[in-house]
């Protein structure tokens, strides 16, 4: 699924396990409980996506783009507070 453009989508509880999403974008997409595991996320644009939780240790994501508020979704597993 490289170069796929998801726009204004409700992608709740979607499984992207093992998918290749290289150069894709999630424009204004709700990714609540979406599963990313062994998902290739190189150069994916998540800057306007929200409610995602992605573990960088299990998903290659070189040059992926995130907004500052989206950083929380990358650190969720560490159970830390970001203020």
PDB file of N, CA and C in Angstrom:
ATOM      1  N   UNK A   1       0.807  -1.189   0.000  1.00  0.00           N
ATOM      2  CA  UNK A   1       0.000   0.000   0.000  1.00  0.00           C
ATOM      3  C   UNK A   1       0.859   1.266   0.000  1.00  0.00           C
ATOM      4  N   UNK A   2       2.054   1.216  -0.590  1.00  0.00           N
ATOM      5  CA  UNK A   2       2.868   2.425  -0.644  1.00  0.00           C
ATOM      6  C   UNK A   2       2.144   3.565  -1.361  1.00  0.00           C
ATOM      7  N   UNK A   3       2.434   4.774  -0.926  1.00  0.00           N
ATOM      8  CA  UNK A   3       1.917   6.013  -1.531  1.00  0.00           C
ATOM      9  C   UNK A   3       0.391   6.145  -1.448  1.00  0.00           C
ATOM     10  N   UNK A   4      -0.228   5.479  -0.496  1.00  0.00           N
ATOM     11  CA  UNK A   4      -1.675   5.598  -0.317  1.00  0.00           C
ATOM     12  C   UNK A   4      -1.985   6.884   0.443  1.00  0.00           C
ATOM     13  N   UNK A   5      -3.002   7.598   0.004  1.00  0.00           N
ATOM     14  CA  UNK A   5      -3.427   8.822   0.687  1.00  0.00           C
ATOM     15  C   UNK A   5      -4.751   8.544   1.388  1.00  0.00           C
ATOM     16  N   UNK A   6      -4.701   8.585   2.708  1.00  0.00           N
ATOM     17  CA  UNK A   6      -5.902   8.452   3.520  1.00  0.00           C
ATOM     18  C   UNK A   6      -6.316   9.868   3.913  1.00  0.00           C
ATOM     19  N   UNK A   7      -7.525  10.282   3.569  1.00  0.00           N
ATOM     20  CA  UNK A   7      -7.956  11.656   3.827  1.00  0.00           C
ATOM     21  C   UNK A   7      -9.290  11.651   4.565  1.00  0.00           C
ATOM     22  N   UNK A   8      -9.322  12.341   5.723  1.00  0.00           N
ATOM     23  CA  UNK A   8     -10.536  12.468   6.530  1.00  0.00           C
ATOM     24  C   UNK A   8     -11.179  11.114   6.830  1.00  0.00           C
ATOM     25  N   UNK A   9     -10.358  10.154   7.225  1.00  0.00           N
ATOM     26  CA  UNK A   9     -10.845   8.794   7.474  1.00  0.00           C
ATOM     27  C   UNK A   9     -10.983   8.487   8.958  1.00  0.00           C
ATOM     28  N   UNK A  10     -11.944   7.630   9.260  1.00  0.00           N
ATOM     29  CA  UNK A  10     -12.083   7.038  10.589  1.00  0.00           C
ATOM     30  C   UNK A  10     -11.511   5.636  10.472  1.00  0.00           C
ATOM     31  N   UNK A  11     -10.258   5.459  10.875  1.00  0.00           N
ATOM     32  CA  UNK A  11      -9.576   4.176  10.749  1.00  0.00           C
ATOM     33  C   UNK A  11      -9.450   3.516  12.123  1.00  0.00           C
ATOM     34  N   UNK A  12     -10.533   3.492  12.850  1.00  0.00           N
ATOM     35  CA  UNK A  12     -10.545   2.923  14.187  1.00  0.00           C
ATOM     36  C   UNK A  12     -10.421   1.405  14.115  1.00  0.00           C
ATOM     37  N   UNK A  13      -9.507   0.875  14.944  1.00  0.00           N
ATOM     38  CA  UNK A  13      -9.297  -0.566  15.104  1.00  0.00           C
ATOM     39  C   UNK A  13      -8.883  -1.267  13.812  1.00  0.00           C
ATOM     40  N   UNK A  14      -8.281  -0.530  12.884  1.00  0.00           N
ATOM     41  CA  UNK A  14      -7.780  -1.108  11.637  1.00  0.00           C
ATOM     42  C   UNK A  14      -6.441  -1.779  11.917  1.00  0.00           C
ATOM     43  N   UNK A  15      -6.187  -2.903  11.265  1.00  0.00           N
ATOM     44  CA  UNK A  15      -4.910  -3.588  11.409  1.00  0.00           C
ATOM     45  C   UNK A  15      -4.025  -3.309  10.202  1.00  0.00           C
ATOM     46  N   UNK A  16      -2.860  -2.711  10.478  1.00  0.00           N
ATOM     47  CA  UNK A  16      -1.861  -2.489   9.440  1.00  0.00           C
ATOM     48  C   UNK A  16      -0.669  -3.430   9.659  1.00  0.00           C
ATOM     49  N   UNK A  17      -0.885  -4.545  10.337  1.00  0.00           N
ATOM     50  CA  UNK A  17       0.195  -5.480  10.652  1.00  0.00           C
ATOM     51  C   UNK A  17       0.830  -5.989   9.353  1.00  0.00           C
ATOM     52  N   UNK A  18       2.154  -5.819   9.258  1.00  0.00           N
ATOM     53  CA  UNK A  18       2.913  -6.305   8.115  1.00  0.00           C
ATOM     54  C   UNK A  18       2.755  -5.494   6.836  1.00  0.00           C
ATOM     55  N   UNK A  19       2.042  -4.389   6.892  1.00  0.00           N
ATOM     56  CA  UNK A  19       1.807  -3.588   5.682  1.00  0.00           C
ATOM     57  C   UNK A  19       3.008  -2.710   5.354  1.00  0.00           C
ATOM     58  N   UNK A  20       3.145  -2.397   4.085  1.00  0.00           N
ATOM     59  CA  UNK A  20       4.146  -1.440   3.631  1.00  0.00           C
ATOM     60  C   UNK A  20       3.392  -0.161   3.269  1.00  0.00           C
ATOM     61  N   UNK A  21       3.554   0.872   4.091  1.00  0.00           N
ATOM     62  CA  UNK A  21       2.874   2.149   3.881  1.00  0.00           C
ATOM     63  C   UNK A  21       3.852   3.255   3.475  1.00  0.00           C
ATOM     64  N   UNK A  22       4.998   2.890   2.950  1.00  0.00           N
ATOM     65  CA  UNK A  22       6.024   3.853   2.559  1.00  0.00           C
ATOM     66  C   UNK A  22       5.431   4.995   1.728  1.00  0.00           C
ATOM     67  N   UNK A  23       5.782   6.216   2.107  1.00  0.00           N
ATOM     68  CA  UNK A  23       5.350   7.440   1.413  1.00  0.00           C
ATOM     69  C   UNK A  23       3.842   7.659   1.410  1.00  0.00           C
ATOM     70  N   UNK A  24       3.125   7.040   2.314  1.00  0.00           N
ATOM     71  CA  UNK A  24       1.681   7.264   2.437  1.00  0.00           C
ATOM     72  C   UNK A  24       1.429   8.477   3.314  1.00  0.00           C
ATOM     73  N   UNK A  25       0.174   8.903   3.381  1.00  0.00           N
ATOM     74  CA  UNK A  25      -0.180  10.017   4.263  1.00  0.00           C
ATOM     75  C   UNK A  25      -1.541   9.755   4.897  1.00  0.00           C
ATOM     76  N   UNK A  26      -1.668  10.255   6.120  1.00  0.00           N
ATOM     77  CA  UNK A  26      -2.911  10.152   6.882  1.00  0.00           C
ATOM     78  C   UNK A  26      -3.354  11.573   7.199  1.00  0.00           C
ATOM     79  N   UNK A  27      -4.114  12.182   6.307  1.00  0.00           N
ATOM     80  CA  UNK A  27      -4.531  13.572   6.470  1.00  0.00           C
ATOM     81  C   UNK A  27      -5.825  13.627   7.269  1.00  0.00           C
ATOM     82  N   UNK A  28      -5.735  14.207   8.457  1.00  0.00           N
ATOM     83  CA  UNK A  28      -6.898  14.376   9.323  1.00  0.00           C
ATOM     84  C   UNK A  28      -7.622  13.045   9.571  1.00  0.00           C
ATOM     85  N   UNK A  29      -6.851  12.009   9.887  1.00  0.00           N
ATOM     86  CA  UNK A  29      -7.414  10.674  10.100  1.00  0.00           C
ATOM     87  C   UNK A  29      -7.396  10.291  11.571  1.00  0.00           C
ATOM     88  N   UNK A  30      -8.482   9.678  12.017  1.00  0.00           N
ATOM     89  CA  UNK A  30      -8.586   9.153  13.380  1.00  0.00           C
ATOM     90  C   UNK A  30      -8.098   7.714  13.361  1.00  0.00           C
ATOM     91  N   UNK A  31      -6.982   7.445  14.043  1.00  0.00           N
ATOM     92  CA  UNK A  31      -6.370   6.117  14.074  1.00  0.00           C
ATOM     93  C   UNK A  31      -6.526   5.459  15.442  1.00  0.00           C
ATOM     94  N   UNK A  32      -7.638   5.729  16.105  1.00  0.00           N
ATOM     95  CA  UNK A  32      -7.895   5.192  17.439  1.00  0.00           C
ATOM     96  C   UNK A  32      -7.878   3.662  17.417  1.00  0.00           C
ATOM     97  N   UNK A  33      -6.993   3.080  18.216  1.00  0.00           N
ATOM     98  CA  UNK A  33      -6.831   1.629  18.339  1.00  0.00           C
ATOM     99  C   UNK A  33      -6.410   0.941  17.043  1.00  0.00           C
ATOM    100  N   UNK A  34      -5.866   1.683  16.087  1.00  0.00           N
ATOM    101  CA  UNK A  34      -5.293   1.049  14.897  1.00  0.00           C
ATOM    102  C   UNK A  34      -4.032   0.309  15.331  1.00  0.00           C
ATOM    103  N   UNK A  35      -3.761  -0.820  14.693  1.00  0.00           N
ATOM    104  CA  UNK A  35      -2.623  -1.652  15.081  1.00  0.00           C
ATOM    105  C   UNK A  35      -1.516  -1.516  14.043  1.00  0.00           C
ATOM    106  N   UNK A  36      -0.364  -1.053  14.515  1.00  0.00           N
ATOM    107  CA  UNK A  36       0.830  -0.959  13.686  1.00  0.00           C
ATOM    108  C   UNK A  36       1.862  -1.893  14.308  1.00  0.00           C
ATOM    109  N   UNK A  37       2.191  -2.975  13.624  1.00  0.00           N
ATOM    110  CA  UNK A  37       3.192  -3.916  14.110  1.00  0.00           C
ATOM    111  C   UNK A  37       3.887  -4.502  12.882  1.00  0.00           C
ATOM    112  N   UNK A  38       5.199  -4.366  12.838  1.00  0.00           N
ATOM    113  CA  UNK A  38       5.968  -4.793  11.681  1.00  0.00           C
ATOM    114  C   UNK A  38       5.447  -4.098  10.425  1.00  0.00           C
ATOM    115  N   UNK A  39       5.090  -2.820  10.584  1.00  0.00           N
ATOM    116  CA  UNK A  39       4.548  -2.007   9.497  1.00  0.00           C
ATOM    117  C   UNK A  39       5.640  -1.059   9.020  1.00  0.00           C
ATOM    118  N   UNK A  40       5.876  -1.017   7.725  1.00  0.00           N
ATOM    119  CA  UNK A  40       6.902  -0.125   7.179  1.00  0.00           C
ATOM    120  C   UNK A  40       6.280   1.259   7.031  1.00  0.00           C
ATOM    121  N   UNK A  41       6.792   2.204   7.816  1.00  0.00           N
ATOM    122  CA  UNK A  41       6.241   3.557   7.866  1.00  0.00           C
ATOM    123  C   UNK A  41       7.239   4.608   7.386  1.00  0.00           C
ATOM    124  N   UNK A  42       8.161   4.212   6.536  1.00  0.00           N
ATOM    125  CA  UNK A  42       9.182   5.138   6.030  1.00  0.00           C
ATOM    126  C   UNK A  42       8.531   6.280   5.256  1.00  0.00           C
ATOM    127  N   UNK A  43       8.867   7.497   5.632  1.00  0.00           N
ATOM    128  CA  UNK A  43       8.392   8.723   4.980  1.00  0.00           C
ATOM    129  C   UNK A  43       6.874   8.891   5.009  1.00  0.00           C
ATOM    130  N   UNK A  44       6.205   8.278   5.964  1.00  0.00           N
ATOM    131  CA  UNK A  44       4.748   8.445   6.098  1.00  0.00           C
ATOM    132  C   UNK A  44       4.465   9.767   6.807  1.00  0.00           C
ATOM    133  N   UNK A  45       3.436  10.459   6.369  1.00  0.00           N
ATOM    134  CA  UNK A  45       3.055  11.742   6.954  1.00  0.00           C
ATOM    135  C   UNK A  45       1.872  11.559   7.900  1.00  0.00           C
ATOM    136  N   UNK A  46       2.166  11.692   9.207  1.00  0.00           N
ATOM    137  CA  UNK A  46       1.151  11.610  10.254  1.00  0.00           C
ATOM    138  C   UNK A  46       0.874  12.989  10.866  1.00  0.00           C
ATOM    139  N   UNK A  47       1.305  14.075  10.227  1.00  0.00           N
ATOM    140  CA  UNK A  47       1.257  15.387  10.882  1.00  0.00           C
ATOM    141  C   UNK A  47      -0.140  15.829  11.289  1.00  0.00           C
ATOM    142  N   UNK A  48      -1.172  15.438  10.563  1.00  0.00           N
ATOM    143  CA  UNK A  48      -2.525  15.839  10.969  1.00  0.00           C
ATOM    144  C   UNK A  48      -3.368  14.658  11.455  1.00  0.00           C
ATOM    145  N   UNK A  49      -2.763  13.484  11.551  1.00  0.00           N
ATOM    146  CA  UNK A  49      -3.467  12.303  12.083  1.00  0.00           C
ATOM    147  C   UNK A  49      -3.556  12.417  13.606  1.00  0.00           C
ATOM    148  N   UNK A  50      -4.484  11.675  14.196  1.00  0.00           N
ATOM    149  CA  UNK A  50      -4.623  11.734  15.650  1.00  0.00           C
ATOM    150  C   UNK A  50      -5.091  10.404  16.214  1.00  0.00           C
ATOM    151  N   UNK A  51      -4.922  10.245  17.521  1.00  0.00           N
ATOM    152  CA  UNK A  51      -5.304   9.061  18.297  1.00  0.00           C
ATOM    153  C   UNK A  51      -4.512   7.808  17.930  1.00  0.00           C
ATOM    154  N   UNK A  52      -3.331   7.965  17.371  1.00  0.00           N
ATOM    155  CA  UNK A  52      -2.533   6.784  17.048  1.00  0.00           C
ATOM    156  C   UNK A  52      -1.586   6.442  18.183  1.00  0.00           C
ATOM    157  N   UNK A  53      -1.236   5.161  18.260  1.00  0.00           N
ATOM    158  CA  UNK A  53      -0.210   4.661  19.174  1.00  0.00           C
ATOM    159  C   UNK A  53       0.664   3.736  18.343  1.00  0.00           C
ATOM    160  N   UNK A  54       1.908   4.149  18.156  1.00  0.00           N
ATOM    161  CA  UNK A  54       2.831   3.399  17.312  1.00  0.00           C
ATOM    162  C   UNK A  54       4.114   3.169  18.085  1.00  0.00           C
ATOM    163  N   UNK A  55       4.578   1.942  18.119  1.00  0.00           N
ATOM    164  CA  UNK A  55       5.824   1.620  18.803  1.00  0.00           C
ATOM    165  C   UNK A  55       6.967   1.696  17.792  1.00  0.00           C
ATOM    166  N   UNK A  56       7.845   2.698  17.921  1.00  0.00           N
ATOM    167  CA  UNK A  56       8.961   2.843  16.975  1.00  0.00           C
ATOM    168  C   UNK A  56       9.920   1.654  16.970  1.00  0.00           C
ATOM    169  N   UNK A  57       9.922   0.857  18.025  1.00  0.00           N
ATOM    170  CA  UNK A  57      10.821  -0.292  18.080  1.00  0.00           C
ATOM    171  C   UNK A  57      10.387  -1.421  17.157  1.00  0.00           C
ATOM    172  N   UNK A  58       9.123  -1.466  16.802  1.00  0.00           N
ATOM    173  CA  UNK A  58       8.600  -2.566  15.992  1.00  0.00           C
ATOM    174  C   UNK A  58       8.107  -2.134  14.614  1.00  0.00           C
ATOM    175  N   UNK A  59       8.337  -0.865  14.258  1.00  0.00           N
ATOM    176  CA  UNK A  59       7.881  -0.337  12.980  1.00  0.00           C
ATOM    177  C   UNK A  59       8.937   0.584  12.389  1.00  0.00           C
ATOM    178  N   UNK A  60       9.599   0.182  11.304  1.00  0.00           N
ATOM    179  CA  UNK A  60      10.594   1.064  10.697  1.00  0.00           C
ATOM    180  C   UNK A  60       9.925   2.345  10.198  1.00  0.00           C
ATOM    181  N   UNK A  61      10.433   3.496  10.635  1.00  0.00           N
ATOM    182  CA  UNK A  61       9.782   4.749  10.283  1.00  0.00           C
ATOM    183  C   UNK A  61      10.757   5.878   9.983  1.00  0.00           C
ATOM    184  N   UNK A  62      11.821   5.565   9.294  1.00  0.00           N
ATOM    185  CA  UNK A  62      12.779   6.600   8.922  1.00  0.00           C
ATOM    186  C   UNK A  62      12.090   7.693   8.115  1.00  0.00           C
ATOM    187  N   UNK A  63      12.346   8.916   8.496  1.00  0.00           N
ATOM    188  CA  UNK A  63      11.836  10.116   7.822  1.00  0.00           C
ATOM    189  C   UNK A  63      10.320  10.268   7.869  1.00  0.00           C
ATOM    190  N   UNK A  64       9.637   9.549   8.750  1.00  0.00           N
ATOM    191  CA  UNK A  64       8.190   9.757   8.940  1.00  0.00           C
ATOM    192  C   UNK A  64       7.999  11.116   9.596  1.00  0.00           C
ATOM    193  N   UNK A  65       6.837  11.734   9.359  1.00  0.00           N
ATOM    194  CA  UNK A  65       6.556  13.073   9.885  1.00  0.00           C
ATOM    195  C   UNK A  65       5.430  13.002  10.909  1.00  0.00           C
ATOM    196  N   UNK A  66       5.646  13.703  12.037  1.00  0.00           N
ATOM    197  CA  UNK A  66       4.661  13.762  13.108  1.00  0.00           C
ATOM    198  C   UNK A  66       4.541  15.194  13.605  1.00  0.00           C
ATOM    199  N   UNK A  67       3.379  15.546  14.116  1.00  0.00           N
ATOM    200  CA  UNK A  67       3.222  16.859  14.751  1.00  0.00           C
ATOM    201  C   UNK A  67       3.749  16.754  16.179  1.00  0.00           C
ATOM    202  N   UNK A  68       4.009  17.893  16.775  1.00  0.00           N
ATOM    203  CA  UNK A  68       4.502  17.907  18.153  1.00  0.00           C
ATOM    204  C   UNK A  68       3.521  17.220  19.092  1.00  0.00           C
ATOM    205  N   UNK A  69       2.216  17.487  18.962  1.00  0.00           N
ATOM    206  CA  UNK A  69       1.232  16.867  19.839  1.00  0.00           C
ATOM    207  C   UNK A  69       1.107  15.364  19.574  1.00  0.00           C
ATOM    208  N   UNK A  70       1.516  14.905  18.405  1.00  0.00           N
ATOM    209  CA  UNK A  70       1.444  13.484  18.075  1.00  0.00           C
ATOM    210  C   UNK A  70       2.542  12.656  18.701  1.00  0.00           C
ATOM    211  N   UNK A  71       3.558  13.290  19.246  1.00  0.00           N
ATOM    212  CA  UNK A  71       4.667  12.571  19.872  1.00  0.00           C
ATOM    213  C   UNK A  71       4.171  11.649  20.991  1.00  0.00           C
ATOM    214  N   UNK A  72       3.118  12.044  21.647  1.00  0.00           N
ATOM    215  CA  UNK A  72       2.554  11.236  22.734  1.00  0.00           C
ATOM    216  C   UNK A  72       2.229   9.830  22.237  1.00  0.00           C
ATOM    217  N   UNK A  73       1.725   9.710  21.021  1.00  0.00           N
ATOM    218  CA  UNK A  73       1.368   8.415  20.459  1.00  0.00           C
ATOM    219  C   UNK A  73       2.556   7.514  20.191  1.00  0.00           C
ATOM    220  N   UNK A  74       3.766   8.080  20.189  1.00  0.00           N
ATOM    221  CA  UNK A  74       4.976   7.288  19.991  1.00  0.00           C
ATOM    222  C   UNK A  74       5.609   6.861  21.313  1.00  0.00           C
ATOM    223  N   UNK A  75       5.211   7.526  22.382  1.00  0.00           N
ATOM    224  CA  UNK A  75       5.815   7.255  23.690  1.00  0.00           C
ATOM    225  C   UNK A  75       4.851   6.597  24.677  1.00  0.00           C
ATOM    226  N   UNK A  76       3.669   6.276  24.239  1.00  0.00           N
ATOM    227  CA  UNK A  76       2.618   5.758  25.099  1.00  0.00           C
ATOM    228  C   UNK A  76       3.043   4.551  25.926  1.00  0.00           C
ATOM    229  N   UNK A  77       3.796   3.644  25.356  1.00  0.00           N
ATOM    230  CA  UNK A  77       4.164   2.422  26.053  1.00  0.00           C
ATOM    231  C   UNK A  77       5.063   2.675  27.275  1.00  0.00           C
ATOM    232  N   UNK A  78       5.672   3.841  27.336  1.00  0.00           N
ATOM    233  CA  UNK A  78       6.574   4.141  28.444  1.00  0.00           C
ATOM    234  C   UNK A  78       5.846   4.675  29.682  1.00  0.00           C
ATOM    235  N   UNK A  79       4.555   4.910  29.569  1.00  0.00           N
ATOM    236  CA  UNK A  79       3.741   5.379  30.699  1.00  0.00           C
ATOM    237  C   UNK A  79       4.362   6.599  31.378  1.00  0.00           C
ATOM    238  N   UNK A  80       4.710   7.591  30.548  1.00  0.00           N
ATOM    239  CA  UNK A  80       5.291   8.834  31.062  1.00  0.00           C
ATOM    240  C   UNK A  80       4.332   9.970  30.819  1.00  0.00           C
ATOM    241  N   UNK A  81       4.493  11.062  31.560  1.00  0.00           N
ATOM    242  CA  UNK A  81       3.654  12.248  31.397  1.00  0.00           C
ATOM    243  C   UNK A  81       4.410  13.269  30.567  1.00  0.00           C
ATOM    244  N   UNK A  82       3.738  13.794  29.564  1.00  0.00           N
ATOM    245  CA  UNK A  82       4.294  14.862  28.749  1.00  0.00           C
ATOM    246  C   UNK A  82       3.394  16.067  28.911  1.00  0.00           C
ATOM    247  N   UNK A  83       3.977  17.165  29.355  1.00  0.00           N
ATOM    248  CA  UNK A  83       3.169  18.366  29.617  1.00  0.00           C
ATOM    249  C   UNK A  83       3.543  19.490  28.689  1.00  0.00           C
TER     250      UNK A  83
END
